[in-house]
Amino acid sequence: MTDDTPRVPGADEELSAHGQRRRTALSCMAWAGAGVVWTLSGGIPGSRLIGGAEAATTDSRAFSFVQISDSHIGFAKDPNTEPTSTLADAIGRVRAMPQRPAFMIHTGDITHLSKPAEFDTAAKIIDGAGLDVHYVPGEHDVLVDNGDPYFERFSKQNGGTKWYSFDQGGVHFIGLVNVIDLKGGGLGFLGDEQLEWLRRDLEGRSSSTPIVVFAHIPLWSLYPQWGWGTDDSARALAYLKRFGSVTVLNGHIHQVAQKVEGTLSFYTAMSTAFPQPAPGAAAGPGPMKVPADKLRSMLGLRSVNYVAGREQLAIVDSTLGA
């Protein structure tokens, strides 16, 4: 590792605001090199490094989907003055996947300044994957009129609702919004109305139903000092704990991190635009300057594979430099 590579806490440690380590349940992953596959069975994840050929799913019973995040179209500073290029690279890799994904999710910060032209550019590039795309907003997508331009553009496919759910292959997917009315320090917020909707959405569903939740800001207290958590997520997680397999996918922190809490497994994703420092490794969050030849090794996308009847979920994080 070089000095530009984020330091990685151990499985029972976290970095304090001053970079010191203390015992906790936090487990942060290093930047995924050729890729890391996470297999979830009965709520217990395992992992191993993989090469590109191993990332493909050959089981005909499986379906897969792709997660991309934090495209920040409109950002034009170091370390990436052309985030359209790296987003296009990510979409090209999606098109080249040996197994066509069922759909794609984007976990927010599509744009950097919520400008119509930025949304137009991002949508044009992402549509190049030829997949249905399920979006949730990041805080950079709702900078104008409390997010109305974002919701007018992207909530139509959800019947006009800000948060929504859908089913695919026996898995129940839930898209949440936690970037409106941010709390102290930038913590995410769900709010009573959305939490009540979530309770009703889950009510009556069998506890054996696999659940995938996706939102922009982490739903676990990853690093509250930097706003890397959601103020009222405990209520949402309480509704989810009765299910045997729950996977929570987030963006926002521009790096891969993982935590397991009972039957809930949490994963954050890399950005397609720029990296951020590991928790506590800098004075604060923000774009991390890296050499141009190293940038793509710190950006990436995620493929998620599910085999019906096996209750297994395989998560593969790949970098654009692999």
C-alpha atoms as a PDB file:
ATOM      1  CA  MET A   1       0.000   0.000   0.000  1.00  0.00           C
ATOM      2  CA  THR A   2       1.054   3.564  -0.583  1.00  0.00           C
ATOM      3  CA  ASP A   3       0.356   6.557   1.632  1.00  0.00           C
ATOM      4  CA  ASP A   4      -2.656   7.334  -0.582  1.00  0.00           C
ATOM      5  CA  THR A   5      -4.331   4.024   0.220  1.00  0.00           C
ATOM      6  CA  PRO A   6      -6.916   4.211   3.019  1.00  0.00           C
ATOM      7  CA  ARG A   7      -5.891   2.375   6.163  1.00  0.00           C
ATOM      8  CA  VAL A   8      -8.097  -0.552   7.071  1.00  0.00           C
ATOM      9  CA  PRO A   9      -9.424  -1.112  10.611  1.00  0.00           C
ATOM     10  CA  GLY A  10      -9.477  -4.655  11.919  1.00  0.00           C
ATOM     11  CA  ALA A  11     -12.723  -6.553  12.352  1.00  0.00           C
ATOM     12  CA  ASP A  12     -13.170  -5.271  15.905  1.00  0.00           C
ATOM     13  CA  GLU A  13     -11.794  -1.770  15.541  1.00  0.00           C
ATOM     14  CA  GLU A  14     -12.682   1.652  14.218  1.00  0.00           C
ATOM     15  CA  LEU A  15     -10.741   4.827  13.637  1.00  0.00           C
ATOM     16  CA  SER A  16     -11.479   7.731  15.951  1.00  0.00           C
ATOM     17  CA  ALA A  17     -11.588  11.357  14.780  1.00  0.00           C
ATOM     18  CA  HIS A  18      -7.851  11.564  15.472  1.00  0.00           C
ATOM     19  CA  GLY A  19      -7.031   8.368  13.591  1.00  0.00           C
ATOM     20  CA  GLN A  20      -6.673   6.287  16.752  1.00  0.00           C
ATOM     21  CA  ARG A  21      -8.249   2.826  16.899  1.00  0.00           C
ATOM     22  CA  ARG A  22     -10.691   1.484  19.450  1.00  0.00           C
ATOM     23  CA  ARG A  23     -12.659  -1.734  19.829  1.00  0.00           C
ATOM     24  CA  THR A  24     -16.067  -1.895  18.116  1.00  0.00           C
ATOM     25  CA  ALA A  25     -18.171  -4.036  15.788  1.00  0.00           C
ATOM     26  CA  LEU A  26     -17.095  -2.016  12.731  1.00  0.00           C
ATOM     27  CA  SER A  27     -15.335  -3.853   9.941  1.00  0.00           C
ATOM     28  CA  CYS A  28     -14.081  -1.800   6.952  1.00  0.00           C
ATOM     29  CA  MET A  29     -12.794  -3.497   3.828  1.00  0.00           C
ATOM     30  CA  ALA A  30      -9.761  -2.400   1.836  1.00  0.00           C
ATOM     31  CA  TRP A  31     -10.138  -1.179  -1.718  1.00  0.00           C
ATOM     32  CA  ALA A  32     -11.243  -4.202  -3.751  1.00  0.00           C
ATOM     33  CA  GLY A  33      -8.431  -5.176  -6.086  1.00  0.00           C
ATOM     34  CA  ALA A  34      -9.463  -7.689  -8.751  1.00  0.00           C
ATOM     35  CA  GLY A  35     -12.692  -8.121  -6.788  1.00  0.00           C
ATOM     36  CA  VAL A  36     -14.085  -9.504  -3.555  1.00  0.00           C
ATOM     37  CA  VAL A  37     -16.919 -12.000  -3.554  1.00  0.00           C
ATOM     38  CA  TRP A  38     -19.179 -12.032  -0.495  1.00  0.00           C
ATOM     39  CA  THR A  39     -21.429 -15.059  -0.063  1.00  0.00           C
ATOM     40  CA  LEU A  40     -24.304 -14.774   2.390  1.00  0.00           C
ATOM     41  CA  SER A  41     -25.833 -17.935   3.818  1.00  0.00           C
ATOM     42  CA  GLY A  42     -28.098 -17.789   6.838  1.00  0.00           C
ATOM     43  CA  GLY A  43     -26.877 -14.279   7.558  1.00  0.00           C
ATOM     44  CA  ILE A  44     -23.198 -15.296   7.813  1.00  0.00           C
ATOM     45  CA  PRO A  45     -20.904 -13.828   5.117  1.00  0.00           C
ATOM     46  CA  GLY A  46     -17.682 -15.291   3.813  1.00  0.00           C
ATOM     47  CA  SER A  47     -15.221 -13.669   1.447  1.00  0.00           C
ATOM     48  CA  ARG A  48     -12.354 -14.385  -0.899  1.00  0.00           C
ATOM     49  CA  LEU A  49     -10.407 -12.474  -3.514  1.00  0.00           C
ATOM     50  CA  ILE A  50     -11.344 -13.367  -7.065  1.00  0.00           C
ATOM     51  CA  GLY A  51     -10.031 -12.872 -10.553  1.00  0.00           C
ATOM     52  CA  GLY A  52     -12.119 -11.496 -13.384  1.00  0.00           C
ATOM     53  CA  ALA A  53     -13.061 -14.924 -14.766  1.00  0.00           C
ATOM     54  CA  GLU A  54     -14.449 -16.057 -11.423  1.00  0.00           C
ATOM     55  CA  ALA A  55     -16.815 -13.114 -11.169  1.00  0.00           C
ATOM     56  CA  ALA A  56     -19.165 -14.549 -13.780  1.00  0.00           C
ATOM     57  CA  THR A  57     -22.197 -16.514 -12.614  1.00  0.00           C
ATOM     58  CA  THR A  58     -22.808 -19.667 -14.638  1.00  0.00           C
ATOM     59  CA  ASP A  59     -25.788 -21.106 -12.729  1.00  0.00           C
ATOM     60  CA  SER A  60     -28.797 -20.713 -15.019  1.00  0.00           C
ATOM     61  CA  ARG A  61     -31.103 -20.380 -11.995  1.00  0.00           C
ATOM     62  CA  ALA A  62     -29.394 -17.209 -10.830  1.00  0.00           C
ATOM     63  CA  PHE A  63     -30.286 -13.643 -11.528  1.00  0.00           C
ATOM     64  CA  SER A  64     -27.961 -10.765 -10.943  1.00  0.00           C
ATOM     65  CA  PHE A  65     -28.144  -7.011 -10.686  1.00  0.00           C
ATOM     66  CA  VAL A  66     -25.601  -4.226 -10.655  1.00  0.00           C
ATOM     67  CA  GLN A  67     -25.031  -1.420  -8.158  1.00  0.00           C
ATOM     68  CA  ILE A  68     -23.292   1.792  -9.165  1.00  0.00           C
ATOM     69  CA  SER A  69     -23.014   4.856  -6.989  1.00  0.00           C
ATOM     70  CA  ASP A  70     -21.745   8.410  -6.597  1.00  0.00           C
ATOM     71  CA  SER A  71     -21.249   9.330 -10.250  1.00  0.00           C
ATOM     72  CA  HIS A  72     -21.036  13.070  -9.412  1.00  0.00           C
ATOM     73  CA  ILE A  73     -21.569  14.225 -12.979  1.00  0.00           C
ATOM     74  CA  GLY A  74     -20.618  17.908 -12.971  1.00  0.00           C
ATOM     75  CA  PHE A  75     -17.631  17.462 -10.660  1.00  0.00           C
ATOM     76  CA  ALA A  76     -14.566  18.889 -12.432  1.00  0.00           C
ATOM     77  CA  LYS A  77     -11.666  18.976  -9.979  1.00  0.00           C
ATOM     78  CA  ASP A  78      -8.824  16.713  -8.902  1.00  0.00           C
ATOM     79  CA  PRO A  79      -8.620  13.800  -8.804  1.00  0.00           C
ATOM     80  CA  ASN A  80     -11.136  13.391 -11.655  1.00  0.00           C
ATOM     81  CA  THR A  81     -11.940  16.272 -13.985  1.00  0.00           C
ATOM     82  CA  GLU A  82     -13.944  13.966 -16.290  1.00  0.00           C
ATOM     83  CA  PRO A  83     -16.337  11.801 -14.224  1.00  0.00           C
ATOM     84  CA  THR A  84     -18.375  11.226 -17.395  1.00  0.00           C
ATOM     85  CA  SER A  85     -15.450   9.162 -18.694  1.00  0.00           C
ATOM     86  CA  THR A  86     -15.210   6.928 -15.635  1.00  0.00           C
ATOM     87  CA  LEU A  87     -18.996   6.499 -15.497  1.00  0.00           C
ATOM     88  CA  ALA A  88     -18.954   5.477 -19.159  1.00  0.00           C
ATOM     89  CA  ASP A  89     -16.157   3.013 -18.338  1.00  0.00           C
ATOM     90  CA  ALA A  90     -18.298   1.458 -15.600  1.00  0.00           C
ATOM     91  CA  ILE A  91     -21.292   1.164 -17.924  1.00  0.00           C
ATOM     92  CA  GLY A  92     -19.094  -0.411 -20.573  1.00  0.00           C
ATOM     93  CA  ARG A  93     -18.116  -3.068 -18.074  1.00  0.00           C
ATOM     94  CA  VAL A  94     -21.775  -3.716 -17.302  1.00  0.00           C
ATOM     95  CA  ARG A  95     -22.500  -4.229 -21.000  1.00  0.00           C
ATOM     96  CA  ALA A  96     -19.580  -6.674 -21.209  1.00  0.00           C
ATOM     97  CA  MET A  97     -20.761  -8.878 -18.327  1.00  0.00           C
ATOM     98  CA  PRO A  98     -21.077 -12.510 -19.453  1.00  0.00           C
ATOM     99  CA  GLN A  99     -24.477 -12.801 -17.766  1.00  0.00           C
ATOM    100  CA  ARG A 100     -26.896  -9.966 -18.503  1.00  0.00           C
ATOM    101  CA  PRO A 101     -28.014  -8.392 -15.208  1.00  0.00           C
ATOM    102  CA  ALA A 102     -31.744  -8.208 -14.516  1.00  0.00           C
ATOM    103  CA  PHE A 103     -31.497  -4.500 -13.667  1.00  0.00           C
ATOM    104  CA  MET A 104     -29.269  -1.835 -12.137  1.00  0.00           C
ATOM    105  CA  ILE A 105     -29.558   0.259  -8.993  1.00  0.00           C
ATOM    106  CA  HIS A 106     -27.910   3.625  -8.503  1.00  0.00           C
ATOM    107  CA  THR A 107     -27.435   4.560  -4.855  1.00  0.00           C
ATOM    108  CA  GLY A 108     -27.289   8.302  -5.277  1.00  0.00           C
ATOM    109  CA  ASP A 109     -25.210  11.375  -6.057  1.00  0.00           C
ATOM    110  CA  ILE A 110     -25.921  10.898  -9.727  1.00  0.00           C
ATOM    111  CA  THR A 111     -24.969  14.553 -10.131  1.00  0.00           C
ATOM    112  CA  HIS A 112     -22.761  16.977  -8.263  1.00  0.00           C
ATOM    113  CA  LEU A 113     -24.929  20.112  -8.309  1.00  0.00           C
ATOM    114  CA  SER A 114     -28.447  18.872  -9.214  1.00  0.00           C
ATOM    115  CA  LYS A 115     -28.364  20.696 -12.553  1.00  0.00           C
ATOM    116  CA  PRO A 116     -30.709  19.527 -15.358  1.00  0.00           C
ATOM    117  CA  ALA A 117     -27.800  19.150 -17.787  1.00  0.00           C
ATOM    118  CA  GLU A 118     -25.966  16.953 -15.277  1.00  0.00           C
ATOM    119  CA  PHE A 119     -28.999  14.695 -14.888  1.00  0.00           C
ATOM    120  CA  ASP A 120     -29.361  14.546 -18.678  1.00  0.00           C
ATOM    121  CA  THR A 121     -25.729  13.568 -19.174  1.00  0.00           C
ATOM    122  CA  ALA A 122     -25.795  10.922 -16.456  1.00  0.00           C
ATOM    123  CA  ALA A 123     -29.044   9.389 -17.711  1.00  0.00           C
ATOM    124  CA  LYS A 124     -27.732   9.208 -21.277  1.00  0.00           C
ATOM    125  CA  ILE A 125     -24.590   7.360 -20.184  1.00  0.00           C
ATOM    126  CA  ILE A 126     -26.382   5.018 -17.770  1.00  0.00           C
ATOM    127  CA  ASP A 127     -29.101   4.204 -20.302  1.00  0.00           C
ATOM    128  CA  GLY A 128     -26.306   2.860 -22.472  1.00  0.00           C
ATOM    129  CA  ALA A 129     -26.306  -0.262 -20.299  1.00  0.00           C
ATOM    130  CA  GLY A 130     -29.701  -1.165 -21.758  1.00  0.00           C
ATOM    131  CA  LEU A 131     -31.085  -2.076 -18.318  1.00  0.00           C
ATOM    132  CA  ASP A 132     -33.950  -0.939 -16.147  1.00  0.00           C
ATOM    133  CA  VAL A 133     -32.472   1.353 -13.505  1.00  0.00           C
ATOM    134  CA  HIS A 134     -33.801   1.909  -9.982  1.00  0.00           C
ATOM    135  CA  TYR A 135     -32.565   5.156  -8.467  1.00  0.00           C
ATOM    136  CA  VAL A 136     -32.419   6.640  -4.983  1.00  0.00           C
ATOM    137  CA  PRO A 137     -31.101  10.178  -4.472  1.00  0.00           C
ATOM    138  CA  GLY A 138     -27.921  11.374  -2.835  1.00  0.00           C
ATOM    139  CA  GLU A 139     -27.645  14.722  -1.091  1.00  0.00           C
ATOM    140  CA  HIS A 140     -26.029  16.191  -4.216  1.00  0.00           C
ATOM    141  CA  ASP A 141     -29.155  15.296  -6.203  1.00  0.00           C
ATOM    142  CA  VAL A 142     -31.547  17.269  -3.989  1.00  0.00           C
ATOM    143  CA  LEU A 143     -29.762  20.632  -3.713  1.00  0.00           C
ATOM    144  CA  VAL A 144     -32.535  22.444  -5.621  1.00  0.00           C
ATOM    145  CA  ASP A 145     -36.144  22.952  -4.403  1.00  0.00           C
ATOM    146  CA  ASN A 146     -35.908  20.199  -1.799  1.00  0.00           C
ATOM    147  CA  GLY A 147     -35.182  17.657  -4.499  1.00  0.00           C
ATOM    148  CA  ASP A 148     -38.282  18.300  -6.628  1.00  0.00           C
ATOM    149  CA  PRO A 149     -36.345  18.257  -9.950  1.00  0.00           C
ATOM    150  CA  TYR A 150     -34.853  14.872  -9.037  1.00  0.00           C
ATOM    151  CA  PHE A 151     -38.183  13.354  -7.996  1.00  0.00           C
ATOM    152  CA  GLU A 152     -40.028  14.743 -11.022  1.00  0.00           C
ATOM    153  CA  ARG A 153     -37.475  13.010 -13.225  1.00  0.00           C
ATOM    154  CA  PHE A 154     -36.931   9.696 -11.461  1.00  0.00           C
ATOM    155  CA  SER A 155     -40.019   8.872  -9.364  1.00  0.00           C
ATOM    156  CA  LYS A 156     -42.330   8.344 -12.357  1.00  0.00           C
ATOM    157  CA  GLN A 157     -41.236   4.716 -12.653  1.00  0.00           C
ATOM    158  CA  ASN A 158     -42.273   4.230  -9.004  1.00  0.00           C
ATOM    159  CA  GLY A 159     -45.744   5.638  -9.439  1.00  0.00           C
ATOM    160  CA  GLY A 160     -44.631   9.071  -8.310  1.00  0.00           C
ATOM    161  CA  THR A 161     -43.549   7.999  -4.819  1.00  0.00           C
ATOM    162  CA  LYS A 162     -40.238   9.072  -3.295  1.00  0.00           C
ATOM    163  CA  TRP A 163     -39.539   5.695  -1.677  1.00  0.00           C
ATOM    164  CA  TYR A 164     -40.690   2.407  -3.125  1.00  0.00           C
ATOM    165  CA  SER A 165     -40.362  -1.373  -3.259  1.00  0.00           C
ATOM    166  CA  PHE A 166     -40.495  -4.093  -5.892  1.00  0.00           C
ATOM    167  CA  ASP A 167     -39.965  -7.846  -6.189  1.00  0.00           C
ATOM    168  CA  GLN A 168     -37.618  -9.839  -8.365  1.00  0.00           C
ATOM    169  CA  GLY A 169     -37.128 -13.602  -8.349  1.00  0.00           C
ATOM    170  CA  GLY A 170     -38.468 -14.018  -4.824  1.00  0.00           C
ATOM    171  CA  VAL A 171     -36.381 -11.166  -3.403  1.00  0.00           C
ATOM    172  CA  HIS A 172     -38.066  -8.022  -2.021  1.00  0.00           C
ATOM    173  CA  PHE A 173     -36.232  -4.782  -2.860  1.00  0.00           C
ATOM    174  CA  ILE A 174     -36.774  -1.521  -0.953  1.00  0.00           C
ATOM    175  CA  GLY A 175     -35.468   1.876  -2.098  1.00  0.00           C
ATOM    176  CA  LEU A 176     -35.290   4.443   0.712  1.00  0.00           C
ATOM    177  CA  VAL A 177     -34.579   8.188   0.772  1.00  0.00           C
ATOM    178  CA  ASN A 178     -32.376   9.442   3.623  1.00  0.00           C
ATOM    179  CA  VAL A 179     -30.926  12.663   2.188  1.00  0.00           C
ATOM    180  CA  ILE A 180     -33.793  15.097   2.826  1.00  0.00           C
ATOM    181  CA  ASP A 181     -33.589  17.173   6.027  1.00  0.00           C
ATOM    182  CA  LEU A 182     -30.124  15.981   7.018  1.00  0.00           C
ATOM    183  CA  LYS A 183     -29.368  16.054  10.715  1.00  0.00           C
ATOM    184  CA  GLY A 184     -26.406  17.391  12.701  1.00  0.00           C
ATOM    185  CA  GLY A 185     -23.059  16.700  11.086  1.00  0.00           C
ATOM    186  CA  GLY A 186     -24.748  15.587   7.867  1.00  0.00           C
ATOM    187  CA  LEU A 187     -26.350  12.432   9.232  1.00  0.00           C
ATOM    188  CA  GLY A 188     -29.049  10.922   7.044  1.00  0.00           C
ATOM    189  CA  PHE A 189     -32.708  11.016   8.022  1.00  0.00           C
ATOM    190  CA  LEU A 190     -35.697   8.863   7.052  1.00  0.00           C
ATOM    191  CA  GLY A 191     -38.569  10.536   8.920  1.00  0.00           C
ATOM    192  CA  ASP A 192     -41.816   9.261  10.432  1.00  0.00           C
ATOM    193  CA  GLU A 193     -43.786   9.100   7.179  1.00  0.00           C
ATOM    194  CA  GLN A 194     -41.236   6.929   5.405  1.00  0.00           C
ATOM    195  CA  LEU A 195     -40.661   4.714   8.433  1.00  0.00           C
ATOM    196  CA  GLU A 196     -44.393   4.077   8.758  1.00  0.00           C
ATOM    197  CA  TRP A 197     -44.515   3.223   5.060  1.00  0.00           C
ATOM    198  CA  LEU A 198     -41.637   0.773   5.589  1.00  0.00           C
ATOM    199  CA  ARG A 199     -43.447  -0.894   8.487  1.00  0.00           C
ATOM    200  CA  ARG A 200     -46.547  -1.387   6.345  1.00  0.00           C
ATOM    201  CA  ASP A 201     -44.516  -2.580   3.353  1.00  0.00           C
ATOM    202  CA  LEU A 202     -42.904  -5.333   5.426  1.00  0.00           C
ATOM    203  CA  GLU A 203     -46.040  -6.248   7.339  1.00  0.00           C
ATOM    204  CA  GLY A 204     -47.375  -9.669   6.444  1.00  0.00           C
ATOM    205  CA  ARG A 205     -44.265 -10.751   4.512  1.00  0.00           C
ATOM    206  CA  SER A 206     -42.759 -14.067   5.463  1.00  0.00           C
ATOM    207  CA  SER A 207     -39.606 -13.836   7.567  1.00  0.00           C
ATOM    208  CA  SER A 208     -37.973 -16.189   5.046  1.00  0.00           C
ATOM    209  CA  THR A 209     -38.268 -13.584   2.268  1.00  0.00           C
ATOM    210  CA  PRO A 210     -34.810 -12.304   1.265  1.00  0.00           C
ATOM    211  CA  ILE A 211     -34.764  -8.502   1.617  1.00  0.00           C
ATOM    212  CA  VAL A 212     -32.474  -6.032  -0.159  1.00  0.00           C
ATOM    213  CA  VAL A 213     -32.602  -2.416   1.041  1.00  0.00           C
ATOM    214  CA  PHE A 214     -30.791   0.367  -0.785  1.00  0.00           C
ATOM    215  CA  ALA A 215     -30.305   4.014   0.151  1.00  0.00           C
ATOM    216  CA  HIS A 216     -27.569   6.603  -0.273  1.00  0.00           C
ATOM    217  CA  ILE A 217     -26.202   7.272   3.226  1.00  0.00           C
ATOM    218  CA  PRO A 218     -25.250   4.182   5.260  1.00  0.00           C
ATOM    219  CA  LEU A 219     -28.019   2.852   7.485  1.00  0.00           C
ATOM    220  CA  TRP A 220     -25.475   1.873  10.122  1.00  0.00           C
ATOM    221  CA  SER A 221     -23.306   4.142  12.240  1.00  0.00           C
ATOM    222  CA  LEU A 222     -20.208   3.747  10.137  1.00  0.00           C
ATOM    223  CA  TYR A 223     -18.562   7.025  11.155  1.00  0.00           C
ATOM    224  CA  PRO A 224     -21.032   9.572  12.578  1.00  0.00           C
ATOM    225  CA  GLN A 225     -18.257  12.135  13.074  1.00  0.00           C
ATOM    226  CA  TRP A 226     -18.328  12.601   9.299  1.00  0.00           C
ATOM    227  CA  GLY A 227     -22.080  12.181   8.881  1.00  0.00           C
ATOM    228  CA  TRP A 228     -21.600   8.587   7.743  1.00  0.00           C
ATOM    229  CA  GLY A 229     -24.752   7.174   9.299  1.00  0.00           C
ATOM    230  CA  THR A 230     -28.522   7.740   9.496  1.00  0.00           C
ATOM    231  CA  ASP A 231     -29.999   9.457  12.528  1.00  0.00           C
ATOM    232  CA  ASP A 232     -33.190   7.385  12.819  1.00  0.00           C
ATOM    233  CA  SER A 233     -32.073   4.144  11.162  1.00  0.00           C
ATOM    234  CA  ALA A 234     -32.609   2.121  14.351  1.00  0.00           C
ATOM    235  CA  ARG A 235     -36.364   2.136  13.736  1.00  0.00           C
ATOM    236  CA  ALA A 236     -35.937   0.875  10.188  1.00  0.00           C
ATOM    237  CA  LEU A 237     -33.540  -1.862  11.271  1.00  0.00           C
ATOM    238  CA  ALA A 238     -35.932  -2.968  14.008  1.00  0.00           C
ATOM    239  CA  TYR A 239     -38.550  -3.698  11.333  1.00  0.00           C
ATOM    240  CA  LEU A 240     -36.010  -5.723   9.349  1.00  0.00           C
ATOM    241  CA  LYS A 241     -34.488  -7.862  12.098  1.00  0.00           C
ATOM    242  CA  ARG A 242     -37.154 -10.582  11.945  1.00  0.00           C
ATOM    243  CA  PHE A 243     -36.115 -11.516   8.398  1.00  0.00           C
ATOM    244  CA  GLY A 244     -33.585 -14.284   7.906  1.00  0.00           C
ATOM    245  CA  SER A 245     -31.598 -12.571   5.167  1.00  0.00           C
ATOM    246  CA  VAL A 246     -31.346  -8.778   4.844  1.00  0.00           C
ATOM    247  CA  THR A 247     -28.760  -7.045   2.661  1.00  0.00           C
ATOM    248  CA  VAL A 248     -28.367  -3.259   2.900  1.00  0.00           C
ATOM    249  CA  LEU A 249     -26.575  -1.510   0.031  1.00  0.00           C
ATOM    250  CA  ASN A 250     -25.393   2.094   0.349  1.00  0.00           C
ATOM    251  CA  GLY A 251     -23.060   4.583  -1.296  1.00  0.00           C
ATOM    252  CA  HIS A 252     -21.963   8.024  -0.037  1.00  0.00           C
ATOM    253  CA  ILE A 253     -18.552   7.100   1.411  1.00  0.00           C
ATOM    254  CA  HIS A 254     -16.956   6.167  -1.952  1.00  0.00           C
ATOM    255  CA  GLN A 255     -15.304   2.992  -0.650  1.00  0.00           C
ATOM    256  CA  VAL A 256     -16.162  -0.586   0.218  1.00  0.00           C
ATOM    257  CA  ALA A 257     -17.029  -1.250   3.845  1.00  0.00           C
ATOM    258  CA  GLN A 258     -18.952  -4.114   5.439  1.00  0.00           C
ATOM    259  CA  LYS A 259     -20.679  -4.911   8.696  1.00  0.00           C
ATOM    260  CA  VAL A 260     -22.780  -7.835   9.916  1.00  0.00           C
ATOM    261  CA  GLU A 261     -25.334  -7.419  12.686  1.00  0.00           C
ATOM    262  CA  GLY A 262     -27.390 -10.559  13.296  1.00  0.00           C
ATOM    263  CA  THR A 263     -29.113 -11.402  10.003  1.00  0.00           C
ATOM    264  CA  LEU A 264     -28.448  -7.922   8.594  1.00  0.00           C
ATOM    265  CA  SER A 265     -25.434  -7.431   6.318  1.00  0.00           C
ATOM    266  CA  PHE A 266     -24.401  -3.898   5.334  1.00  0.00           C
ATOM    267  CA  TYR A 267     -22.245  -2.953   2.349  1.00  0.00           C
ATOM    268  CA  THR A 268     -21.126   0.414   1.026  1.00  0.00           C
ATOM    269  CA  ALA A 269     -19.910   0.815  -2.554  1.00  0.00           C
ATOM    270  CA  MET A 270     -17.135   2.533  -4.430  1.00  0.00           C
ATOM    271  CA  SER A 271     -17.824   5.654  -6.461  1.00  0.00           C
ATOM    272  CA  THR A 272     -17.437   5.955 -10.224  1.00  0.00           C
ATOM    273  CA  ALA A 273     -16.050   9.496  -9.760  1.00  0.00           C
ATOM    274  CA  PHE A 274     -13.480   9.859  -6.952  1.00  0.00           C
ATOM    275  CA  PRO A 275     -12.370   8.135  -3.737  1.00  0.00           C
ATOM    276  CA  GLN A 276     -12.706   9.473  -0.209  1.00  0.00           C
ATOM    277  CA  PRO A 277     -10.370   8.787   2.720  1.00  0.00           C
ATOM    278  CA  ALA A 278     -10.965   5.939   5.134  1.00  0.00           C
ATOM    279  CA  PRO A 279     -12.825   6.905   8.316  1.00  0.00           C
ATOM    280  CA  GLY A 280     -10.613   9.108  10.475  1.00  0.00           C
ATOM    281  CA  ALA A 281      -7.663   8.988   8.059  1.00  0.00           C
ATOM    282  CA  ALA A 282      -7.994  12.688   7.166  1.00  0.00           C
ATOM    283  CA  ALA A 283      -9.284  15.895   8.708  1.00  0.00           C
ATOM    284  CA  GLY A 284     -12.659  15.238   7.103  1.00  0.00           C
ATOM    285  CA  PRO A 285     -14.449  13.603   4.182  1.00  0.00           C
ATOM    286  CA  GLY A 286     -14.150  14.805   0.616  1.00  0.00           C
ATOM    287  CA  PRO A 287     -12.404  14.035  -2.681  1.00  0.00           C
ATOM    288  CA  MET A 288      -9.083  12.326  -2.067  1.00  0.00           C
ATOM    289  CA  LYS A 289      -6.328  13.314  -4.482  1.00  0.00           C
ATOM    290  CA  VAL A 290      -4.521  10.331  -5.992  1.00  0.00           C
ATOM    291  CA  PRO A 291      -2.137   9.939  -8.931  1.00  0.00           C
ATOM    292  CA  ALA A 292      -3.911   9.784 -12.294  1.00  0.00           C
ATOM    293  CA  ASP A 293      -2.596   6.288 -12.973  1.00  0.00           C
ATOM    294  CA  LYS A 294      -4.076   5.067  -9.688  1.00  0.00           C
ATOM    295  CA  LEU A 295      -7.521   6.669  -9.906  1.00  0.00           C
ATOM    296  CA  ARG A 296      -9.365   3.858 -11.682  1.00  0.00           C
ATOM    297  CA  SER A 297      -8.078   1.300  -9.185  1.00  0.00           C
ATOM    298  CA  MET A 298     -10.032   3.205  -6.511  1.00  0.00           C
ATOM    299  CA  LEU A 299     -13.282   3.473  -8.474  1.00  0.00           C
ATOM    300  CA  GLY A 300     -15.642   0.656  -9.294  1.00  0.00           C
ATOM    301  CA  LEU A 301     -18.988  -1.071  -9.456  1.00  0.00           C
ATOM    302  CA  ARG A 302     -20.736  -4.004  -7.810  1.00  0.00           C
ATOM    303  CA  SER A 303     -22.450  -7.106  -9.173  1.00  0.00           C
ATOM    304  CA  VAL A 304     -24.884  -8.991  -6.935  1.00  0.00           C
ATOM    305  CA  ASN A 305     -25.876 -12.567  -7.755  1.00  0.00           C
ATOM    306  CA  TYR A 306     -28.797 -14.477  -6.244  1.00  0.00           C
ATOM    307  CA  VAL A 307     -29.777 -18.125  -6.680  1.00  0.00           C
ATOM    308  CA  ALA A 308     -33.416 -18.834  -5.844  1.00  0.00           C
ATOM    309  CA  GLY A 309     -33.858 -21.530  -3.218  1.00  0.00           C
ATOM    310  CA  ARG A 310     -30.290 -21.338  -1.945  1.00  0.00           C
ATOM    311  CA  GLU A 311     -30.699 -18.240   0.233  1.00  0.00           C
ATOM    312  CA  GLN A 312     -27.273 -17.141  -0.966  1.00  0.00           C
ATOM    313  CA  LEU A 313     -26.190 -13.748  -2.143  1.00  0.00           C
ATOM    314  CA  ALA A 314     -22.816 -13.239  -3.796  1.00  0.00           C
ATOM    315  CA  ILE A 315     -21.479  -9.674  -3.933  1.00  0.00           C
ATOM    316  CA  VAL A 316     -18.596  -8.897  -6.268  1.00  0.00           C
ATOM    317  CA  ASP A 317     -16.858  -5.510  -6.067  1.00  0.00           C
ATOM    318  CA  SER A 318     -14.686  -4.770  -9.108  1.00  0.00           C
ATOM    319  CA  THR A 319     -12.490  -1.755  -9.746  1.00  0.00           C
ATOM    320  CA  LEU A 320     -12.270   0.111 -13.029  1.00  0.00           C
ATOM    321  CA  GLY A 321      -8.562  -0.558 -12.983  1.00  0.00           C
ATOM    322  CA  ALA A 322      -8.876  -4.333 -12.809  1.00  0.00           C
END
